[in-house]
Amino acid sequence: MADPLSRAGRAAAEASRFVRFGFVGVAAFGVDAATLFVAIEAAGTSPYTGRAISFLAAATAAWALNRRFTFPEAEGHPVLEWGRYLASNSGGALLNLGTYTALVAGSDVFYRHPVAAAGLGALSGMIVNFLAARRFVFRAGPADK
């Protein structure tokens, strides 16, 4: 029979990890929003091209921050891990980008304010991305398994 205290400790640790993941998500959204704004306003891209650029910048920032703060016990080659991060978060990315595209394409308000659509898109994929990152990307060393 499992020790209830150890189960409670694991649950608390997982909740703490999810909160850190959320804070990283907020920081990554800052990268996303700033990059999107610059891509559209300064570089003159469309909201769709700008979003592709900003999404990749935000996903890279999220991977780096999650590796450092959310999953510090992870081991593995960083470049391979980054590739796994992008691949394993494809479900969340589809939700994120699909929400963004639907909002921008379907609403003049969101077309004029694409950062708001990007925020709603980011929220839509967060839980899927957390589960994928925890399970497939940030792998603990043998002592932590």
N, C-alpha and C. Protein backbone atom coordinates (compact mmCIF):
# COMPACT_ATOMS: atom_id res chain seq x y z
N MET A 1 0.84 -1.18 0.00
CA MET A 1 0.00 0.00 0.00
C MET A 1 0.89 1.24 0.00
N ALA A 2 0.54 2.21 -0.83
CA ALA A 2 1.33 3.43 -0.95
C ALA A 2 1.14 4.31 0.27
N ASP A 3 2.21 4.95 0.67
CA ASP A 3 2.17 5.87 1.81
C ASP A 3 1.40 7.13 1.41
N PRO A 4 0.32 7.48 2.15
CA PRO A 4 -0.46 8.67 1.79
C PRO A 4 0.35 9.96 1.85
N LEU A 5 1.33 10.03 2.75
CA LEU A 5 2.16 11.23 2.83
C LEU A 5 3.05 11.38 1.61
N SER A 6 3.57 10.25 1.11
CA SER A 6 4.41 10.35 -0.07
C SER A 6 3.56 10.71 -1.30
N ARG A 7 2.33 10.20 -1.35
CA ARG A 7 1.43 10.58 -2.44
C ARG A 7 1.11 12.07 -2.36
N ALA A 8 0.85 12.56 -1.16
CA ALA A 8 0.55 13.98 -0.97
C ALA A 8 1.76 14.83 -1.34
N GLY A 9 2.95 14.37 -0.98
CA GLY A 9 4.17 15.10 -1.33
C GLY A 9 4.38 15.15 -2.83
N ARG A 10 4.13 14.03 -3.51
CA ARG A 10 4.25 14.01 -4.97
C ARG A 10 3.23 14.92 -5.62
N ALA A 11 2.01 14.93 -5.08
CA ALA A 11 0.96 15.80 -5.63
C ALA A 11 1.33 17.27 -5.45
N ALA A 12 1.86 17.61 -4.28
CA ALA A 12 2.27 18.99 -4.03
C ALA A 12 3.42 19.39 -4.95
N ALA A 13 4.37 18.49 -5.15
CA ALA A 13 5.50 18.78 -6.05
C ALA A 13 5.00 18.97 -7.48
N GLU A 14 4.05 18.16 -7.89
CA GLU A 14 3.50 18.28 -9.24
C GLU A 14 2.72 19.59 -9.40
N ALA A 15 1.99 19.97 -8.38
CA ALA A 15 1.26 21.25 -8.42
C ALA A 15 2.24 22.41 -8.51
N SER A 16 3.32 22.34 -7.74
CA SER A 16 4.35 23.38 -7.80
C SER A 16 4.97 23.45 -9.18
N ARG A 17 5.22 22.29 -9.77
CA ARG A 17 5.80 22.24 -11.12
C ARG A 17 4.84 22.88 -12.12
N PHE A 18 3.55 22.62 -11.99
CA PHE A 18 2.56 23.19 -12.91
C PHE A 18 2.51 24.72 -12.77
N VAL A 19 2.62 25.21 -11.55
CA VAL A 19 2.64 26.66 -11.32
C VAL A 19 3.88 27.27 -11.99
N ARG A 20 5.04 26.63 -11.83
CA ARG A 20 6.25 27.12 -12.50
C ARG A 20 6.07 27.11 -14.02
N PHE A 21 5.45 26.04 -14.52
CA PHE A 21 5.16 25.94 -15.95
C PHE A 21 4.27 27.11 -16.39
N GLY A 22 3.32 27.47 -15.56
CA GLY A 22 2.45 28.61 -15.86
C GLY A 22 3.20 29.92 -15.90
N PHE A 23 4.11 30.13 -14.94
CA PHE A 23 4.92 31.35 -14.93
C PHE A 23 5.82 31.42 -16.17
N VAL A 24 6.39 30.28 -16.53
CA VAL A 24 7.20 30.23 -17.75
C VAL A 24 6.32 30.57 -18.96
N GLY A 25 5.09 30.06 -18.95
CA GLY A 25 4.16 30.37 -20.04
C GLY A 25 3.88 31.86 -20.16
N VAL A 26 3.75 32.53 -19.02
CA VAL A 26 3.54 33.98 -19.04
C VAL A 26 4.76 34.69 -19.65
N ALA A 27 5.95 34.27 -19.24
CA ALA A 27 7.16 34.86 -19.80
C ALA A 27 7.26 34.59 -21.31
N ALA A 28 6.95 33.36 -21.70
CA ALA A 28 6.99 33.01 -23.13
C ALA A 28 5.95 33.80 -23.91
N PHE A 29 4.80 34.05 -23.28
CA PHE A 29 3.80 34.87 -23.95
C PHE A 29 4.32 36.29 -24.15
N GLY A 30 5.10 36.79 -23.20
CA GLY A 30 5.72 38.11 -23.37
C GLY A 30 6.62 38.13 -24.60
N VAL A 31 7.41 37.07 -24.78
CA VAL A 31 8.26 36.95 -25.97
C VAL A 31 7.38 36.88 -27.22
N ASP A 32 6.33 36.08 -27.14
CA ASP A 32 5.40 35.91 -28.25
C ASP A 32 4.79 37.25 -28.66
N ALA A 33 4.23 37.95 -27.68
CA ALA A 33 3.54 39.21 -27.95
C ALA A 33 4.50 40.27 -28.50
N ALA A 34 5.67 40.38 -27.90
CA ALA A 34 6.64 41.38 -28.36
C ALA A 34 7.13 41.07 -29.77
N THR A 35 7.41 39.79 -30.02
CA THR A 35 7.88 39.40 -31.35
C THR A 35 6.78 39.61 -32.39
N LEU A 36 5.54 39.26 -32.05
CA LEU A 36 4.42 39.46 -32.97
C LEU A 36 4.24 40.94 -33.29
N PHE A 37 4.29 41.76 -32.26
CA PHE A 37 4.15 43.20 -32.46
C PHE A 37 5.23 43.75 -33.39
N VAL A 38 6.47 43.37 -33.12
CA VAL A 38 7.59 43.85 -33.94
C VAL A 38 7.47 43.31 -35.37
N ALA A 39 7.11 42.06 -35.52
CA ALA A 39 6.99 41.47 -36.86
C ALA A 39 5.93 42.19 -37.68
N ILE A 40 4.81 42.52 -37.06
CA ILE A 40 3.73 43.18 -37.80
C ILE A 40 4.01 44.67 -37.99
N GLU A 41 4.33 45.34 -36.89
CA GLU A 41 4.45 46.80 -36.93
C GLU A 41 5.76 47.29 -37.54
N ALA A 42 6.86 46.65 -37.20
CA ALA A 42 8.16 47.12 -37.68
C ALA A 42 8.57 46.45 -38.98
N ALA A 43 8.31 45.16 -39.10
CA ALA A 43 8.74 44.44 -40.29
C ALA A 43 7.66 44.39 -41.36
N GLY A 44 6.42 44.71 -40.99
CA GLY A 44 5.34 44.76 -41.97
C GLY A 44 4.81 43.42 -42.42
N THR A 45 4.99 42.38 -41.62
CA THR A 45 4.46 41.07 -42.00
C THR A 45 2.95 41.04 -41.79
N SER A 46 2.31 40.04 -42.35
CA SER A 46 0.89 39.82 -42.09
C SER A 46 0.75 39.26 -40.68
N PRO A 47 -0.45 39.29 -40.10
CA PRO A 47 -0.64 38.68 -38.78
C PRO A 47 -0.32 37.18 -38.76
N TYR A 48 -0.46 36.52 -39.89
CA TYR A 48 -0.19 35.08 -39.96
C TYR A 48 1.31 34.79 -40.02
N THR A 49 2.03 35.51 -40.85
CA THR A 49 3.50 35.35 -40.91
C THR A 49 4.13 35.78 -39.60
N GLY A 50 3.65 36.90 -39.07
CA GLY A 50 4.15 37.38 -37.78
C GLY A 50 3.95 36.36 -36.68
N ARG A 51 2.81 35.69 -36.71
CA ARG A 51 2.51 34.68 -35.68
C ARG A 51 3.42 33.47 -35.82
N ALA A 52 3.73 33.07 -37.03
CA ALA A 52 4.65 31.94 -37.22
C ALA A 52 6.01 32.27 -36.62
N ILE A 53 6.47 33.47 -36.86
CA ILE A 53 7.76 33.91 -36.32
C ILE A 53 7.70 34.00 -34.79
N SER A 54 6.65 34.63 -34.28
CA SER A 54 6.55 34.83 -32.84
C SER A 54 6.33 33.51 -32.10
N PHE A 55 5.62 32.58 -32.72
CA PHE A 55 5.38 31.29 -32.08
C PHE A 55 6.69 30.53 -31.90
N LEU A 56 7.52 30.52 -32.91
CA LEU A 56 8.81 29.82 -32.81
C LEU A 56 9.69 30.47 -31.75
N ALA A 57 9.70 31.80 -31.70
CA ALA A 57 10.48 32.49 -30.68
C ALA A 57 9.96 32.16 -29.28
N ALA A 58 8.65 32.17 -29.12
CA ALA A 58 8.05 31.87 -27.81
C ALA A 58 8.28 30.42 -27.41
N ALA A 59 8.14 29.50 -28.34
CA ALA A 59 8.36 28.08 -28.03
C ALA A 59 9.80 27.82 -27.61
N THR A 60 10.74 28.50 -28.25
CA THR A 60 12.15 28.34 -27.89
C THR A 60 12.41 28.92 -26.50
N ALA A 61 11.83 30.08 -26.22
CA ALA A 61 11.98 30.67 -24.88
C ALA A 61 11.34 29.78 -23.82
N ALA A 62 10.18 29.23 -24.11
CA ALA A 62 9.49 28.35 -23.15
C ALA A 62 10.33 27.11 -22.88
N TRP A 63 10.88 26.52 -23.92
CA TRP A 63 11.72 25.33 -23.71
C TRP A 63 12.90 25.66 -22.80
N ALA A 64 13.61 26.76 -23.09
CA ALA A 64 14.80 27.11 -22.31
C ALA A 64 14.44 27.40 -20.86
N LEU A 65 13.38 28.14 -20.63
CA LEU A 65 12.97 28.46 -19.26
C LEU A 65 12.43 27.24 -18.52
N ASN A 66 11.67 26.40 -19.20
CA ASN A 66 11.18 25.18 -18.56
C ASN A 66 12.33 24.25 -18.21
N ARG A 67 13.31 24.18 -19.06
CA ARG A 67 14.48 23.32 -18.79
C ARG A 67 15.19 23.80 -17.53
N ARG A 68 15.25 25.10 -17.34
CA ARG A 68 15.98 25.67 -16.20
C ARG A 68 15.16 25.67 -14.91
N PHE A 69 13.89 26.06 -14.99
CA PHE A 69 13.10 26.31 -13.79
C PHE A 69 12.03 25.26 -13.48
N THR A 70 11.42 24.67 -14.49
CA THR A 70 10.32 23.74 -14.25
C THR A 70 10.81 22.30 -14.15
N PHE A 71 11.77 21.95 -14.97
CA PHE A 71 12.29 20.58 -15.01
C PHE A 71 13.82 20.59 -14.87
N PRO A 72 14.35 21.13 -13.77
CA PRO A 72 15.81 21.27 -13.65
C PRO A 72 16.54 19.94 -13.58
N GLU A 73 15.85 18.87 -13.25
CA GLU A 73 16.48 17.56 -13.13
C GLU A 73 16.66 16.88 -14.49
N ALA A 74 16.14 17.49 -15.55
CA ALA A 74 16.20 16.88 -16.87
C ALA A 74 17.64 16.69 -17.32
N GLU A 75 17.84 15.59 -18.01
CA GLU A 75 19.14 15.29 -18.59
C GLU A 75 18.94 15.02 -20.07
N GLY A 76 19.93 15.27 -20.84
CA GLY A 76 19.84 14.99 -22.26
C GLY A 76 20.47 16.11 -23.07
N HIS A 77 20.71 15.83 -24.32
CA HIS A 77 21.32 16.81 -25.21
C HIS A 77 20.31 17.92 -25.49
N PRO A 78 20.70 19.18 -25.24
CA PRO A 78 19.76 20.30 -25.39
C PRO A 78 19.13 20.42 -26.78
N VAL A 79 19.90 20.21 -27.84
CA VAL A 79 19.33 20.36 -29.18
C VAL A 79 18.29 19.28 -29.44
N LEU A 80 18.59 18.04 -29.04
CA LEU A 80 17.62 16.97 -29.21
C LEU A 80 16.38 17.22 -28.34
N GLU A 81 16.62 17.70 -27.14
CA GLU A 81 15.51 18.00 -26.23
C GLU A 81 14.62 19.11 -26.81
N TRP A 82 15.23 20.14 -27.39
CA TRP A 82 14.46 21.22 -28.02
C TRP A 82 13.60 20.66 -29.15
N GLY A 83 14.16 19.78 -29.94
CA GLY A 83 13.40 19.14 -31.02
C GLY A 83 12.24 18.31 -30.48
N ARG A 84 12.49 17.55 -29.41
CA ARG A 84 11.42 16.78 -28.77
C ARG A 84 10.35 17.72 -28.22
N TYR A 85 10.79 18.85 -27.66
CA TYR A 85 9.85 19.82 -27.10
C TYR A 85 8.90 20.33 -28.19
N LEU A 86 9.47 20.74 -29.31
CA LEU A 86 8.63 21.24 -30.41
C LEU A 86 7.71 20.13 -30.94
N ALA A 87 8.25 18.93 -31.10
CA ALA A 87 7.44 17.83 -31.64
C ALA A 87 6.34 17.39 -30.66
N SER A 88 6.71 17.23 -29.39
CA SER A 88 5.73 16.71 -28.43
C SER A 88 4.65 17.73 -28.09
N ASN A 89 4.94 19.00 -28.31
CA ASN A 89 3.94 20.03 -28.05
C ASN A 89 3.13 20.38 -29.29
N SER A 90 3.18 19.52 -30.30
CA SER A 90 2.46 19.82 -31.52
C SER A 90 0.94 19.85 -31.31
N GLY A 91 0.42 19.03 -30.41
CA GLY A 91 -1.02 19.07 -30.11
C GLY A 91 -1.43 20.40 -29.51
N GLY A 92 -0.65 20.86 -28.53
CA GLY A 92 -0.91 22.17 -27.94
C GLY A 92 -0.70 23.28 -28.94
N ALA A 93 0.31 23.10 -29.81
CA ALA A 93 0.57 24.11 -30.84
C ALA A 93 -0.60 24.21 -31.81
N LEU A 94 -1.16 23.06 -32.18
CA LEU A 94 -2.31 23.09 -33.08
C LEU A 94 -3.50 23.80 -32.44
N LEU A 95 -3.73 23.53 -31.15
CA LEU A 95 -4.79 24.25 -30.44
C LEU A 95 -4.49 25.74 -30.39
N ASN A 96 -3.26 26.06 -30.05
CA ASN A 96 -2.83 27.45 -29.94
C ASN A 96 -2.99 28.19 -31.27
N LEU A 97 -2.36 27.67 -32.30
CA LEU A 97 -2.38 28.34 -33.59
C LEU A 97 -3.76 28.29 -34.25
N GLY A 98 -4.49 27.20 -34.02
CA GLY A 98 -5.85 27.11 -34.56
C GLY A 98 -6.77 28.13 -33.93
N THR A 99 -6.66 28.30 -32.61
CA THR A 99 -7.46 29.32 -31.92
C THR A 99 -7.11 30.70 -32.44
N TYR A 100 -5.82 30.98 -32.54
CA TYR A 100 -5.35 32.28 -33.05
C TYR A 100 -5.90 32.55 -34.45
N THR A 101 -5.72 31.58 -35.34
CA THR A 101 -6.15 31.76 -36.73
C THR A 101 -7.65 31.96 -36.83
N ALA A 102 -8.41 31.16 -36.09
CA ALA A 102 -9.87 31.31 -36.12
C ALA A 102 -10.30 32.69 -35.63
N LEU A 103 -9.67 33.16 -34.57
CA LEU A 103 -10.03 34.47 -34.03
C LEU A 103 -9.65 35.60 -34.99
N VAL A 104 -8.43 35.55 -35.52
CA VAL A 104 -7.98 36.61 -36.42
C VAL A 104 -8.78 36.60 -37.72
N ALA A 105 -9.04 35.41 -38.25
CA ALA A 105 -9.78 35.31 -39.51
C ALA A 105 -11.27 35.62 -39.33
N GLY A 106 -11.78 35.36 -38.15
CA GLY A 106 -13.22 35.49 -37.94
C GLY A 106 -13.68 36.77 -37.26
N SER A 107 -12.75 37.63 -36.88
CA SER A 107 -13.14 38.82 -36.13
C SER A 107 -12.26 40.00 -36.50
N ASP A 108 -12.90 41.10 -36.89
CA ASP A 108 -12.14 42.32 -37.17
C ASP A 108 -11.41 42.81 -35.92
N VAL A 109 -12.02 42.61 -34.76
CA VAL A 109 -11.39 43.06 -33.51
C VAL A 109 -10.08 42.32 -33.29
N PHE A 110 -10.10 41.00 -33.42
CA PHE A 110 -8.87 40.22 -33.23
C PHE A 110 -7.88 40.44 -34.38
N TYR A 111 -8.37 40.73 -35.57
CA TYR A 111 -7.45 41.03 -36.67
C TYR A 111 -6.69 42.32 -36.37
N ARG A 112 -7.37 43.29 -35.77
CA ARG A 112 -6.73 44.56 -35.41
C ARG A 112 -5.89 44.44 -34.13
N HIS A 113 -6.19 43.43 -33.30
CA HIS A 113 -5.48 43.23 -32.03
C HIS A 113 -5.02 41.76 -31.93
N PRO A 114 -4.06 41.37 -32.78
CA PRO A 114 -3.66 39.97 -32.83
C PRO A 114 -2.98 39.46 -31.56
N VAL A 115 -2.43 40.36 -30.75
CA VAL A 115 -1.80 39.91 -29.51
C VAL A 115 -2.85 39.32 -28.57
N ALA A 116 -4.06 39.88 -28.56
CA ALA A 116 -5.14 39.30 -27.73
C ALA A 116 -5.49 37.90 -28.22
N ALA A 117 -5.54 37.71 -29.53
CA ALA A 117 -5.81 36.38 -30.08
C ALA A 117 -4.67 35.41 -29.74
N ALA A 118 -3.44 35.90 -29.76
CA ALA A 118 -2.29 35.06 -29.40
C ALA A 118 -2.38 34.61 -27.95
N GLY A 119 -2.83 35.50 -27.06
CA GLY A 119 -2.99 35.15 -25.66
C GLY A 119 -4.02 34.05 -25.45
N LEU A 120 -5.15 34.17 -26.12
CA LEU A 120 -6.18 33.13 -26.01
C LEU A 120 -5.70 31.82 -26.62
N GLY A 121 -4.94 31.91 -27.68
CA GLY A 121 -4.37 30.70 -28.28
C GLY A 121 -3.40 30.01 -27.33
N ALA A 122 -2.56 30.81 -26.68
CA ALA A 122 -1.58 30.24 -25.74
C ALA A 122 -2.27 29.53 -24.59
N LEU A 123 -3.32 30.13 -24.06
CA LEU A 123 -4.06 29.48 -22.97
C LEU A 123 -4.68 28.16 -23.42
N SER A 124 -5.14 28.11 -24.64
CA SER A 124 -5.82 26.91 -25.13
C SER A 124 -4.90 25.69 -25.17
N GLY A 125 -3.61 25.90 -25.37
CA GLY A 125 -2.71 24.76 -25.48
C GLY A 125 -1.89 24.45 -24.24
N MET A 126 -2.05 25.21 -23.16
CA MET A 126 -1.16 25.11 -22.00
C MET A 126 -1.18 23.74 -21.32
N ILE A 127 -2.32 23.19 -21.03
CA ILE A 127 -2.37 21.91 -20.30
C ILE A 127 -1.82 20.78 -21.17
N VAL A 128 -2.17 20.76 -22.43
CA VAL A 128 -1.65 19.75 -23.35
C VAL A 128 -0.12 19.84 -23.39
N ASN A 129 0.40 21.05 -23.46
CA ASN A 129 1.86 21.22 -23.52
C ASN A 129 2.54 20.79 -22.23
N PHE A 130 1.93 21.07 -21.08
CA PHE A 130 2.52 20.65 -19.81
C PHE A 130 2.63 19.12 -19.75
N LEU A 131 1.55 18.44 -20.08
CA LEU A 131 1.56 16.98 -20.01
C LEU A 131 2.58 16.39 -20.98
N ALA A 132 2.67 16.95 -22.17
CA ALA A 132 3.64 16.45 -23.14
C ALA A 132 5.07 16.72 -22.69
N ALA A 133 5.32 17.92 -22.16
CA ALA A 133 6.67 18.25 -21.71
C ALA A 133 7.10 17.35 -20.57
N ARG A 134 6.21 17.12 -19.63
CA ARG A 134 6.54 16.29 -18.47
C ARG A 134 6.80 14.85 -18.88
N ARG A 135 6.03 14.35 -19.80
CA ARG A 135 6.11 12.93 -20.15
C ARG A 135 7.21 12.61 -21.18
N PHE A 136 7.36 13.49 -22.18
CA PHE A 136 8.20 13.13 -23.32
C PHE A 136 9.48 13.94 -23.49
N VAL A 137 9.59 15.09 -22.86
CA VAL A 137 10.72 15.97 -23.16
C VAL A 137 11.76 16.01 -22.06
N PHE A 138 11.34 16.45 -20.89
CA PHE A 138 12.28 16.69 -19.80
C PHE A 138 12.40 15.43 -18.96
N ARG A 139 13.35 14.61 -19.34
CA ARG A 139 13.52 13.31 -18.69
C ARG A 139 14.53 13.41 -17.57
N ALA A 140 14.16 12.82 -16.44
CA ALA A 140 15.05 12.83 -15.28
C ALA A 140 16.14 11.78 -15.45
N GLY A 141 17.22 12.00 -14.73
CA GLY A 141 18.29 11.01 -14.70
C GLY A 141 17.84 9.78 -13.94
N PRO A 142 18.62 8.69 -13.95
CA PRO A 142 18.26 7.44 -13.31
C PRO A 142 17.91 7.57 -11.83
N ALA A 143 18.57 8.47 -11.11
CA ALA A 143 18.31 8.61 -9.68
C ALA A 143 16.96 9.27 -9.40
N ASP A 144 16.41 9.96 -10.38
CA ASP A 144 15.16 10.69 -10.18
C ASP A 144 13.94 9.95 -10.71
N LYS A 145 14.11 8.79 -11.29
CA LYS A 145 12.98 8.07 -11.90
C LYS A 145 12.18 7.32 -10.86
